[in-house]
Structures are given as C-alpha cells and as structure tokens.
Amino acid sequence: DNIRAFRKYQKEREKEKETEFKAS
C-alpha cells in the first residue's frame, strides 16, 4: 500500500513539473 501511494505521488509530481515547465 505504501509503495503504491508513493508511486502515485511520484506520477502526480511529474505531471506538476511538466505543467510548470510548459507554463514557463
């Protein structure tokens, strides 16, 4: 459960970074 939760967090962070990069 903890592994899944962290991987989900990692994917969300990657999407956020990608959105921030495109916005820049």
mmCIF file of all heavy atoms, coordinates in Angstrom:
data_MODEL
# 
_entry.id   MODEL 
# 
loop_
_atom_site.group_PDB 
_atom_site.id 
_atom_site.type_symbol 
_atom_site.label_atom_id 
_atom_site.label_alt_id 
_atom_site.label_comp_id 
_atom_site.label_asym_id 
_atom_site.label_entity_id 
_atom_site.label_seq_id 
_atom_site.pdbx_PDB_ins_code 
_atom_site.Cartn_x 
_atom_site.Cartn_y 
_atom_site.Cartn_z 
_atom_site.occupancy 
_atom_site.B_iso_or_equiv 
_atom_site.pdbx_formal_charge 
_atom_site.auth_seq_id 
_atom_site.auth_comp_id 
_atom_site.auth_asym_id 
_atom_site.auth_atom_id 
_atom_site.pdbx_PDB_model_num 
ATOM 1   N N   . ASP A 1 1  ? 0.839  -1.204 0.000   1.00 0.00 ? 1  ASP A N   1 
ATOM 2   C CA  . ASP A 1 1  ? 0.000  0.000  0.000   1.00 0.00 ? 1  ASP A CA  1 
ATOM 3   C C   . ASP A 1 1  ? 0.874  1.253  0.000   1.00 0.00 ? 1  ASP A C   1 
ATOM 4   O O   . ASP A 1 1  ? 0.587  2.225  -0.721  1.00 0.00 ? 1  ASP A O   1 
ATOM 5   C CB  . ASP A 1 1  ? -0.927 0.017  1.223   1.00 0.00 ? 1  ASP A CB  1 
ATOM 6   C CG  . ASP A 1 1  ? -2.045 -1.007 1.114   1.00 0.00 ? 1  ASP A CG  1 
ATOM 7   O OD1 . ASP A 1 1  ? -2.329 -1.459 -0.020  1.00 0.00 ? 1  ASP A OD1 1 
ATOM 8   O OD2 . ASP A 1 1  ? -2.634 -1.358 2.152   1.00 0.00 ? 1  ASP A OD2 1 
ATOM 9   N N   . ASN A 1 2  ? 1.937  1.232  0.793   1.00 0.00 ? 2  ASN A N   1 
ATOM 10  C CA  . ASN A 1 2  ? 2.847  2.383  0.861   1.00 0.00 ? 2  ASN A CA  1 
ATOM 11  C C   . ASN A 1 2  ? 3.605  2.574  -0.446  1.00 0.00 ? 2  ASN A C   1 
ATOM 12  O O   . ASN A 1 2  ? 3.865  3.711  -0.862  1.00 0.00 ? 2  ASN A O   1 
ATOM 13  C CB  . ASN A 1 2  ? 3.828  2.219  2.025   1.00 0.00 ? 2  ASN A CB  1 
ATOM 14  C CG  . ASN A 1 2  ? 3.163  2.365  3.376   1.00 0.00 ? 2  ASN A CG  1 
ATOM 15  O OD1 . ASN A 1 2  ? 2.132  3.038  3.496   1.00 0.00 ? 2  ASN A OD1 1 
ATOM 16  N ND2 . ASN A 1 2  ? 3.744  1.743  4.392   1.00 0.00 ? 2  ASN A ND2 1 
ATOM 17  N N   . ILE A 1 3  ? 3.970  1.470  -1.087  1.00 0.00 ? 3  ILE A N   1 
ATOM 18  C CA  . ILE A 1 3  ? 4.651  1.546  -2.389  1.00 0.00 ? 3  ILE A CA  1 
ATOM 19  C C   . ILE A 1 3  ? 3.729  2.192  -3.423  1.00 0.00 ? 3  ILE A C   1 
ATOM 20  O O   . ILE A 1 3  ? 4.140  3.103  -4.158  1.00 0.00 ? 3  ILE A O   1 
ATOM 21  C CB  . ILE A 1 3  ? 5.095  0.140  -2.865  1.00 0.00 ? 3  ILE A CB  1 
ATOM 22  C CG1 . ILE A 1 3  ? 6.211  -0.392 -1.975  1.00 0.00 ? 3  ILE A CG1 1 
ATOM 23  C CG2 . ILE A 1 3  ? 5.556  0.196  -4.324  1.00 0.00 ? 3  ILE A CG2 1 
ATOM 24  C CD1 . ILE A 1 3  ? 6.604  -1.833 -2.270  1.00 0.00 ? 3  ILE A CD1 1 
ATOM 25  N N   . ARG A 1 4  ? 2.479  1.740  -3.451  1.00 0.00 ? 4  ARG A N   1 
ATOM 26  C CA  . ARG A 1 4  ? 1.508  2.290  -4.420  1.00 0.00 ? 4  ARG A CA  1 
ATOM 27  C C   . ARG A 1 4  ? 1.274  3.777  -4.161  1.00 0.00 ? 4  ARG A C   1 
ATOM 28  O O   . ARG A 1 4  ? 1.205  4.569  -5.110  1.00 0.00 ? 4  ARG A O   1 
ATOM 29  C CB  . ARG A 1 4  ? 0.193  1.522  -4.318  1.00 0.00 ? 4  ARG A CB  1 
ATOM 30  C CG  . ARG A 1 4  ? 0.268  0.080  -4.780  1.00 0.00 ? 4  ARG A CG  1 
ATOM 31  C CD  . ARG A 1 4  ? -1.118 -0.559 -4.810  1.00 0.00 ? 4  ARG A CD  1 
ATOM 32  N NE  . ARG A 1 4  ? -1.029 -2.006 -4.955  1.00 0.00 ? 4  ARG A NE  1 
ATOM 33  C CZ  . ARG A 1 4  ? -1.185 -2.857 -3.941  1.00 0.00 ? 4  ARG A CZ  1 
ATOM 34  N NH1 . ARG A 1 4  ? -1.453 -2.406 -2.721  1.00 0.00 ? 4  ARG A NH1 1 
ATOM 35  N NH2 . ARG A 1 4  ? -1.096 -4.163 -4.156  1.00 0.00 ? 4  ARG A NH2 1 
ATOM 36  N N   . ALA A 1 5  ? 1.166  4.139  -2.885  1.00 0.00 ? 5  ALA A N   1 
ATOM 37  C CA  . ALA A 1 5  ? 0.914  5.536  -2.531  1.00 0.00 ? 5  ALA A CA  1 
ATOM 38  C C   . ALA A 1 5  ? 2.073  6.425  -2.970  1.00 0.00 ? 5  ALA A C   1 
ATOM 39  O O   . ALA A 1 5  ? 1.856  7.529  -3.506  1.00 0.00 ? 5  ALA A O   1 
ATOM 40  C CB  . ALA A 1 5  ? 0.697  5.664  -1.023  1.00 0.00 ? 5  ALA A CB  1 
ATOM 41  N N   . PHE A 1 6  ? 3.317  5.939  -2.800  1.00 0.00 ? 6  PHE A N   1 
ATOM 42  C CA  . PHE A 1 6  ? 4.475  6.749  -3.174  1.00 0.00 ? 6  PHE A CA  1 
ATOM 43  C C   . PHE A 1 6  ? 4.609  6.851  -4.691  1.00 0.00 ? 6  PHE A C   1 
ATOM 44  O O   . PHE A 1 6  ? 4.955  7.913  -5.216  1.00 0.00 ? 6  PHE A O   1 
ATOM 45  C CB  . PHE A 1 6  ? 5.751  6.164  -2.571  1.00 0.00 ? 6  PHE A CB  1 
ATOM 46  C CG  . PHE A 1 6  ? 6.959  7.038  -2.779  1.00 0.00 ? 6  PHE A CG  1 
ATOM 47  C CD1 . PHE A 1 6  ? 7.064  8.281  -2.154  1.00 0.00 ? 6  PHE A CD1 1 
ATOM 48  C CD2 . PHE A 1 6  ? 7.991  6.631  -3.622  1.00 0.00 ? 6  PHE A CD2 1 
ATOM 49  C CE1 . PHE A 1 6  ? 8.173  9.090  -2.369  1.00 0.00 ? 6  PHE A CE1 1 
ATOM 50  C CE2 . PHE A 1 6  ? 9.100  7.436  -3.831  1.00 0.00 ? 6  PHE A CE2 1 
ATOM 51  C CZ  . PHE A 1 6  ? 9.188  8.672  -3.198  1.00 0.00 ? 6  PHE A CZ  1 
ATOM 52  N N   . ARG A 1 7  ? 4.326  5.762  -5.378  1.00 0.00 ? 7  ARG A N   1 
ATOM 53  C CA  . ARG A 1 7  ? 4.408  5.801  -6.848  1.00 0.00 ? 7  ARG A CA  1 
ATOM 54  C C   . ARG A 1 7  ? 3.348  6.739  -7.424  1.00 0.00 ? 7  ARG A C   1 
ATOM 55  O O   . ARG A 1 7  ? 3.592  7.441  -8.411  1.00 0.00 ? 7  ARG A O   1 
ATOM 56  C CB  . ARG A 1 7  ? 4.240  4.391  -7.412  1.00 0.00 ? 7  ARG A CB  1 
ATOM 57  C CG  . ARG A 1 7  ? 5.485  3.535  -7.236  1.00 0.00 ? 7  ARG A CG  1 
ATOM 58  C CD  . ARG A 1 7  ? 5.284  2.124  -7.734  1.00 0.00 ? 7  ARG A CD  1 
ATOM 59  N NE  . ARG A 1 7  ? 6.513  1.346  -7.601  1.00 0.00 ? 7  ARG A NE  1 
ATOM 60  C CZ  . ARG A 1 7  ? 6.585  0.031  -7.762  1.00 0.00 ? 7  ARG A CZ  1 
ATOM 61  N NH1 . ARG A 1 7  ? 5.480  -0.657 -8.087  1.00 0.00 ? 7  ARG A NH1 1 
ATOM 62  N NH2 . ARG A 1 7  ? 7.725  -0.606 -7.620  1.00 0.00 ? 7  ARG A NH2 1 
ATOM 63  N N   . LYS A 1 8  ? 2.167  6.739  -6.815  1.00 0.00 ? 8  LYS A N   1 
ATOM 64  C CA  . LYS A 1 8  ? 1.100  7.659  -7.235  1.00 0.00 ? 8  LYS A CA  1 
ATOM 65  C C   . LYS A 1 8  ? 1.556  9.104  -7.025  1.00 0.00 ? 8  LYS A C   1 
ATOM 66  O O   . LYS A 1 8  ? 1.362  9.969  -7.897  1.00 0.00 ? 8  LYS A O   1 
ATOM 67  C CB  . LYS A 1 8  ? -0.170 7.384  -6.436  1.00 0.00 ? 8  LYS A CB  1 
ATOM 68  C CG  . LYS A 1 8  ? -1.346 8.267  -6.823  1.00 0.00 ? 8  LYS A CG  1 
ATOM 69  C CD  . LYS A 1 8  ? -2.571 7.967  -5.961  1.00 0.00 ? 8  LYS A CD  1 
ATOM 70  C CE  . LYS A 1 8  ? -3.723 8.908  -6.326  1.00 0.00 ? 8  LYS A CE  1 
ATOM 71  N NZ  . LYS A 1 8  ? -4.902 8.682  -5.449  1.00 0.00 ? 8  LYS A NZ  1 
ATOM 72  N N   . TYR A 1 9  ? 2.185  9.354  -5.885  1.00 0.00 ? 9  TYR A N   1 
ATOM 73  C CA  . TYR A 1 9  ? 2.710  10.700 -5.588  1.00 0.00 ? 9  TYR A CA  1 
ATOM 74  C C   . TYR A 1 9  ? 3.767  11.096 -6.613  1.00 0.00 ? 9  TYR A C   1 
ATOM 75  O O   . TYR A 1 9  ? 3.769  12.239 -7.099  1.00 0.00 ? 9  TYR A O   1 
ATOM 76  C CB  . TYR A 1 9  ? 3.287  10.716 -4.171  1.00 0.00 ? 9  TYR A CB  1 
ATOM 77  C CG  . TYR A 1 9  ? 4.194  11.879 -3.897  1.00 0.00 ? 9  TYR A CG  1 
ATOM 78  C CD1 . TYR A 1 9  ? 3.675  13.166 -3.706  1.00 0.00 ? 9  TYR A CD1 1 
ATOM 79  C CD2 . TYR A 1 9  ? 5.582  11.698 -3.827  1.00 0.00 ? 9  TYR A CD2 1 
ATOM 80  C CE1 . TYR A 1 9  ? 4.519  14.243 -3.454  1.00 0.00 ? 9  TYR A CE1 1 
ATOM 81  C CE2 . TYR A 1 9  ? 6.420  12.766 -3.579  1.00 0.00 ? 9  TYR A CE2 1 
ATOM 82  C CZ  . TYR A 1 9  ? 5.892  14.037 -3.402  1.00 0.00 ? 9  TYR A CZ  1 
ATOM 83  O OH  . TYR A 1 9  ? 6.723  15.101 -3.162  1.00 0.00 ? 9  TYR A OH  1 
ATOM 84  N N   . GLN A 1 10 ? 4.656  10.169 -6.956  1.00 0.00 ? 10 GLN A N   1 
ATOM 85  C CA  . GLN A 1 10 ? 5.715  10.458 -7.936  1.00 0.00 ? 10 GLN A CA  1 
ATOM 86  C C   . GLN A 1 10 ? 5.120  10.845 -9.300  1.00 0.00 ? 10 GLN A C   1 
ATOM 87  O O   . GLN A 1 10 ? 5.586  11.789 -9.946  1.00 0.00 ? 10 GLN A O   1 
ATOM 88  C CB  . GLN A 1 10 ? 6.636  9.248  -8.094  1.00 0.00 ? 10 GLN A CB  1 
ATOM 89  C CG  . GLN A 1 10 ? 7.619  9.062  -6.952  1.00 0.00 ? 10 GLN A CG  1 
ATOM 90  C CD  . GLN A 1 10 ? 8.528  7.870  -7.175  1.00 0.00 ? 10 GLN A CD  1 
ATOM 91  O OE1 . GLN A 1 10 ? 8.049  6.769  -7.483  1.00 0.00 ? 10 GLN A OE1 1 
ATOM 92  N NE2 . GLN A 1 10 ? 9.821  8.069  -7.032  1.00 0.00 ? 10 GLN A NE2 1 
ATOM 93  N N   . LYS A 1 11 ? 4.100  10.106 -9.726  1.00 0.00 ? 11 LYS A N   1 
ATOM 94  C CA  . LYS A 1 11 ? 3.452  10.400 -11.014 1.00 0.00 ? 11 LYS A CA  1 
ATOM 95  C C   . LYS A 1 11 ? 2.794  11.777 -10.994 1.00 0.00 ? 11 LYS A C   1 
ATOM 96  O O   . LYS A 1 11 ? 2.873  12.536 -11.974 1.00 0.00 ? 11 LYS A O   1 
ATOM 97  C CB  . LYS A 1 11 ? 2.415  9.326  -11.334 1.00 0.00 ? 11 LYS A CB  1 
ATOM 98  C CG  . LYS A 1 11 ? 3.025  8.002  -11.743 1.00 0.00 ? 11 LYS A CG  1 
ATOM 99  C CD  . LYS A 1 11 ? 1.953  6.961  -12.031 1.00 0.00 ? 11 LYS A CD  1 
ATOM 100 C CE  . LYS A 1 11 ? 2.579  5.624  -12.415 1.00 0.00 ? 11 LYS A CE  1 
ATOM 101 N NZ  . LYS A 1 11 ? 1.540  4.582  -12.657 1.00 0.00 ? 11 LYS A NZ  1 
ATOM 102 N N   . GLU A 1 12 ? 2.143  12.094 -9.885  1.00 0.00 ? 12 GLU A N   1 
ATOM 103 C CA  . GLU A 1 12 ? 1.488  13.404 -9.761  1.00 0.00 ? 12 GLU A CA  1 
ATOM 104 C C   . GLU A 1 12 ? 2.523  14.521 -9.787  1.00 0.00 ? 12 GLU A C   1 
ATOM 105 O O   . GLU A 1 12 ? 2.283  15.577 -10.407 1.00 0.00 ? 12 GLU A O   1 
ATOM 106 C CB  . GLU A 1 12 ? 0.681  13.457 -8.466  1.00 0.00 ? 12 GLU A CB  1 
ATOM 107 C CG  . GLU A 1 12 ? -0.574 12.586 -8.488  1.00 0.00 ? 12 GLU A CG  1 
ATOM 108 C CD  . GLU A 1 12 ? -1.266 12.508 -7.147  1.00 0.00 ? 12 GLU A CD  1 
ATOM 109 O OE1 . GLU A 1 12 ? -0.690 13.015 -6.153  1.00 0.00 ? 12 GLU A OE1 1 
ATOM 110 O OE2 . GLU A 1 12 ? -2.375 11.936 -7.075  1.00 0.00 ? 12 GLU A OE2 1 
ATOM 111 N N   . ARG A 1 13 ? 3.666  14.300 -9.139  1.00 0.00 ? 13 ARG A N   1 
ATOM 112 C CA  . ARG A 1 13 ? 4.730  15.309 -9.134  1.00 0.00 ? 13 ARG A CA  1 
ATOM 113 C C   . ARG A 1 13 ? 5.294  15.505 -10.532 1.00 0.00 ? 13 ARG A C   1 
ATOM 114 O O   . ARG A 1 13 ? 5.598  16.628 -10.938 1.00 0.00 ? 13 ARG A O   1 
ATOM 115 C CB  . ARG A 1 13 ? 5.861  14.895 -8.177  1.00 0.00 ? 13 ARG A CB  1 
ATOM 116 C CG  . ARG A 1 13 ? 5.569  15.145 -6.726  1.00 0.00 ? 13 ARG A CG  1 
ATOM 117 C CD  . ARG A 1 13 ? 5.458  16.625 -6.379  1.00 0.00 ? 13 ARG A CD  1 
ATOM 118 N NE  . ARG A 1 13 ? 6.710  17.327 -6.657  1.00 0.00 ? 13 ARG A NE  1 
ATOM 119 C CZ  . ARG A 1 13 ? 6.790  18.551 -7.125  1.00 0.00 ? 13 ARG A CZ  1 
ATOM 120 N NH1 . ARG A 1 13 ? 5.677  19.223 -7.436  1.00 0.00 ? 13 ARG A NH1 1 
ATOM 121 N NH2 . ARG A 1 13 ? 7.956  19.141 -7.310  1.00 0.00 ? 13 ARG A NH2 1 
ATOM 122 N N   . GLU A 1 14 ? 5.455  14.415 -11.264 1.00 0.00 ? 14 GLU A N   1 
ATOM 123 C CA  . GLU A 1 14 ? 5.965  14.507 -12.636 1.00 0.00 ? 14 GLU A CA  1 
ATOM 124 C C   . GLU A 1 14 ? 5.017  15.314 -13.519 1.00 0.00 ? 14 GLU A C   1 
ATOM 125 O O   . GLU A 1 14 ? 5.449  16.132 -14.345 1.00 0.00 ? 14 GLU A O   1 
ATOM 126 C CB  . GLU A 1 14 ? 6.156  13.104 -13.215 1.00 0.00 ? 14 GLU A CB  1 
ATOM 127 C CG  . GLU A 1 14 ? 7.375  12.388 -12.664 1.00 0.00 ? 14 GLU A CG  1 
ATOM 128 C CD  . GLU A 1 14 ? 7.478  10.949 -13.136 1.00 0.00 ? 14 GLU A CD  1 
ATOM 129 O OE1 . GLU A 1 14 ? 6.666  10.567 -14.006 1.00 0.00 ? 14 GLU A OE1 1 
ATOM 130 O OE2 . GLU A 1 14 ? 8.343  10.219 -12.630 1.00 0.00 ? 14 GLU A OE2 1 
ATOM 131 N N   . LYS A 1 15 ? 3.699  15.104 -13.338 1.00 0.00 ? 15 LYS A N   1 
ATOM 132 C CA  . LYS A 1 15 ? 2.701  15.863 -14.099 1.00 0.00 ? 15 LYS A CA  1 
ATOM 133 C C   . LYS A 1 15 ? 2.760  17.338 -13.733 1.00 0.00 ? 15 LYS A C   1 
ATOM 134 O O   . LYS A 1 15 ? 2.674  18.209 -14.601 1.00 0.00 ? 15 LYS A O   1 
ATOM 135 C CB  . LYS A 1 15 ? 1.306  15.313 -13.822 1.00 0.00 ? 15 LYS A CB  1 
ATOM 136 C CG  . LYS A 1 15 ? 1.025  13.979 -14.498 1.00 0.00 ? 15 LYS A CG  1 
ATOM 137 C CD  . LYS A 1 15 ? -0.385 13.499 -14.176 1.00 0.00 ? 15 LYS A CD  1 
ATOM 138 C CE  . LYS A 1 15 ? -0.667 12.154 -14.833 1.00 0.00 ? 15 LYS A CE  1 
ATOM 139 N NZ  . LYS A 1 15 ? -2.016 11.650 -14.490 1.00 0.00 ? 15 LYS A NZ  1 
ATOM 140 N N   . GLU A 1 16 ? 2.910  17.637 -12.447 1.00 0.00 ? 16 GLU A N   1 
ATOM 141 C CA  . GLU A 1 16 ? 3.006  19.026 -11.982 1.00 0.00 ? 16 GLU A CA  1 
ATOM 142 C C   . GLU A 1 16 ? 4.228  19.715 -12.571 1.00 0.00 ? 16 GLU A C   1 
ATOM 143 O O   . GLU A 1 16 ? 4.159  20.864 -13.018 1.00 0.00 ? 16 GLU A O   1 
ATOM 144 C CB  . GLU A 1 16 ? 3.072  19.073 -10.452 1.00 0.00 ? 16 GLU A CB  1 
ATOM 145 C CG  . GLU A 1 16 ? 1.758  18.754 -9.755  1.00 0.00 ? 16 GLU A CG  1 
ATOM 146 C CD  . GLU A 1 16 ? 1.910  18.710 -8.248  1.00 0.00 ? 16 GLU A CD  1 
ATOM 147 O OE1 . GLU A 1 16 ? 2.987  19.086 -7.746  1.00 0.00 ? 16 GLU A OE1 1 
ATOM 148 O OE2 . GLU A 1 16 ? 0.953  18.287 -7.564  1.00 0.00 ? 16 GLU A OE2 1 
ATOM 149 N N   . LYS A 1 17 ? 5.351  19.018 -12.582 1.00 0.00 ? 17 LYS A N   1 
ATOM 150 C CA  . LYS A 1 17 ? 6.587  19.576 -13.132 1.00 0.00 ? 17 LYS A CA  1 
ATOM 151 C C   . LYS A 1 17 ? 6.444  19.838 -14.626 1.00 0.00 ? 17 LYS A C   1 
ATOM 152 O O   . LYS A 1 17 ? 6.917  20.861 -15.146 1.00 0.00 ? 17 LYS A O   1 
ATOM 153 C CB  . LYS A 1 17 ? 7.762  18.628 -12.878 1.00 0.00 ? 17 LYS A CB  1 
ATOM 154 C CG  . LYS A 1 17 ? 8.234  18.600 -11.440 1.00 0.00 ? 17 LYS A CG  1 
ATOM 155 C CD  . LYS A 1 17 ? 9.398  17.630 -11.275 1.00 0.00 ? 17 LYS A CD  1 
ATOM 156 C CE  . LYS A 1 17 ? 9.860  17.566 -9.833  1.00 0.00 ? 17 LYS A CE  1 
ATOM 157 N NZ  . LYS A 1 17 ? 10.961 16.596 -9.636  1.00 0.00 ? 17 LYS A NZ  1 
ATOM 158 N N   . GLU A 1 18 ? 5.801  18.900 -15.310 1.00 0.00 ? 18 GLU A N   1 
ATOM 159 C CA  . GLU A 1 18 ? 5.589  19.050 -16.749 1.00 0.00 ? 18 GLU A CA  1 
ATOM 160 C C   . GLU A 1 18 ? 4.692  20.247 -17.039 1.00 0.00 ? 18 GLU A C   1 
ATOM 161 O O   . GLU A 1 18 ? 4.964  21.037 -17.958 1.00 0.00 ? 18 GLU A O   1 
ATOM 162 C CB  . GLU A 1 18 ? 4.950  17.773 -17.312 1.00 0.00 ? 18 GLU A CB  1 
ATOM 163 C CG  . GLU A 1 18 ? 4.878  17.755 -18.831 1.00 0.00 ? 18 GLU A CG  1 
ATOM 164 C CD  . GLU A 1 18 ? 4.306  16.466 -19.375 1.00 0.00 ? 18 GLU A CD  1 
ATOM 165 O OE1 . GLU A 1 18 ? 4.291  15.453 -18.625 1.00 0.00 ? 18 GLU A OE1 1 
ATOM 166 O OE2 . GLU A 1 18 ? 3.871  16.478 -20.537 1.00 0.00 ? 18 GLU A OE2 1 
ATOM 167 N N   . THR A 1 19 ? 3.637  20.428 -16.224 1.00 0.00 ? 19 THR A N   1 
ATOM 168 C CA  . THR A 1 19 ? 2.715  21.565 -16.382 1.00 0.00 ? 19 THR A CA  1 
ATOM 169 C C   . THR A 1 19 ? 3.457  22.878 -16.112 1.00 0.00 ? 19 THR A C   1 
ATOM 170 O O   . THR A 1 19 ? 3.296  23.858 -16.849 1.00 0.00 ? 19 THR A O   1 
ATOM 171 C CB  . THR A 1 19 ? 1.518  21.430 -15.406 1.00 0.00 ? 19 THR A CB  1 
ATOM 172 O OG1 . THR A 1 19 ? 0.864  20.187 -15.665 1.00 0.00 ? 19 THR A OG1 1 
ATOM 173 C CG2 . THR A 1 19 ? 0.561  22.576 -15.590 1.00 0.00 ? 19 THR A CG2 1 
ATOM 174 N N   . GLU A 1 20 ? 4.276  22.898 -15.061 1.00 0.00 ? 20 GLU A N   1 
ATOM 175 C CA  . GLU A 1 20 ? 5.037  24.099 -14.711 1.00 0.00 ? 20 GLU A CA  1 
ATOM 176 C C   . GLU A 1 20 ? 6.022  24.447 -15.816 1.00 0.00 ? 20 GLU A C   1 
ATOM 177 O O   . GLU A 1 20 ? 6.243  25.622 -16.129 1.00 0.00 ? 20 GLU A O   1 
ATOM 178 C CB  . GLU A 1 20 ? 5.789  23.870 -13.392 1.00 0.00 ? 20 GLU A CB  1 
ATOM 179 C CG  . GLU A 1 20 ? 4.870  23.836 -12.168 1.00 0.00 ? 20 GLU A CG  1 
ATOM 180 C CD  . GLU A 1 20 ? 5.603  23.394 -10.909 1.00 0.00 ? 20 GLU A CD  1 
ATOM 181 O OE1 . GLU A 1 20 ? 6.833  23.179 -10.991 1.00 0.00 ? 20 GLU A OE1 1 
ATOM 182 O OE2 . GLU A 1 20 ? 4.951  23.280 -9.861  1.00 0.00 ? 20 GLU A OE2 1 
ATOM 183 N N   . PHE A 1 21 ? 6.656  23.414 -16.415 1.00 0.00 ? 21 PHE A N   1 
ATOM 184 C CA  . PHE A 1 21 ? 7.623  23.632 -17.487 1.00 0.00 ? 21 PHE A CA  1 
ATOM 185 C C   . PHE A 1 21 ? 6.950  24.250 -18.711 1.00 0.00 ? 21 PHE A C   1 
ATOM 186 O O   . PHE A 1 21 ? 7.443  25.199 -19.310 1.00 0.00 ? 21 PHE A O   1 
ATOM 187 C CB  . PHE A 1 21 ? 8.310  22.310 -17.849 1.00 0.00 ? 21 PHE A CB  1 
ATOM 188 C CG  . PHE A 1 21 ? 9.261  22.416 -19.005 1.00 0.00 ? 21 PHE A CG  1 
ATOM 189 C CD1 . PHE A 1 21 ? 10.483 23.064 -18.857 1.00 0.00 ? 21 PHE A CD1 1 
ATOM 190 C CD2 . PHE A 1 21 ? 8.922  21.913 -20.255 1.00 0.00 ? 21 PHE A CD2 1 
ATOM 191 C CE1 . PHE A 1 21 ? 11.347 23.187 -19.929 1.00 0.00 ? 21 PHE A CE1 1 
ATOM 192 C CE2 . PHE A 1 21 ? 9.786  22.023 -21.333 1.00 0.00 ? 21 PHE A CE2 1 
ATOM 193 C CZ  . PHE A 1 21 ? 11.018 22.656 -21.151 1.00 0.00 ? 21 PHE A CZ  1 
ATOM 194 N N   . LYS A 1 22 ? 5.768  23.694 -19.064 1.00 0.00 ? 22 LYS A N   1 
ATOM 195 C CA  . LYS A 1 22 ? 5.040  24.216 -20.227 1.00 0.00 ? 22 LYS A CA  1 
ATOM 196 C C   . LYS A 1 22 ? 4.582  25.646 -20.000 1.00 0.00 ? 22 LYS A C   1 
ATOM 197 O O   . LYS A 1 22 ? 4.623  26.468 -20.907 1.00 0.00 ? 22 LYS A O   1 
ATOM 198 C CB  . LYS A 1 22 ? 3.838  23.318 -20.525 1.00 0.00 ? 22 LYS A CB  1 
ATOM 199 C CG  . LYS A 1 22 ? 4.197  21.979 -21.116 1.00 0.00 ? 22 LYS A CG  1 
ATOM 200 C CD  . LYS A 1 22 ? 2.963  21.115 -21.357 1.00 0.00 ? 22 LYS A CD  1 
ATOM 201 C CE  . LYS A 1 22 ? 3.350  19.779 -21.976 1.00 0.00 ? 22 LYS A CE  1 
ATOM 202 N NZ  . LYS A 1 22 ? 2.165  18.902 -22.183 1.00 0.00 ? 22 LYS A NZ  1 
ATOM 203 N N   . ALA A 1 23 ? 4.165  25.926 -18.741 1.00 0.00 ? 23 ALA A N   1 
ATOM 204 C CA  . ALA A 1 23 ? 3.718  27.278 -18.387 1.00 0.00 ? 23 ALA A CA  1 
ATOM 205 C C   . ALA A 1 23 ? 4.867  28.271 -18.491 1.00 0.00 ? 23 ALA A C   1 
ATOM 206 O O   . ALA A 1 23 ? 4.682  29.435 -18.880 1.00 0.00 ? 23 ALA A O   1 
ATOM 207 C CB  . ALA A 1 23 ? 3.119  27.287 -17.001 1.00 0.00 ? 23 ALA A CB  1 
ATOM 208 N N   . SER A 1 24 ? 6.067  27.818 -18.133 1.00 0.00 ? 24 SER A N   1 
ATOM 209 C CA  . SER A 1 24 ? 7.256  28.714 -18.185 1.00 0.00 ? 24 SER A CA  1 
ATOM 210 C C   . SER A 1 24 ? 7.620  29.062 -19.617 1.00 0.00 ? 24 SER A C   1 
ATOM 211 O O   . SER A 1 24 ? 8.243  30.089 -19.888 1.00 0.00 ? 24 SER A O   1 
ATOM 212 C CB  . SER A 1 24 ? 8.442  28.061 -17.470 1.00 0.00 ? 24 SER A CB  1 
ATOM 213 O OG  . SER A 1 24 ? 8.892  26.932 -18.167 1.00 0.00 ? 24 SER A OG  1 
# 
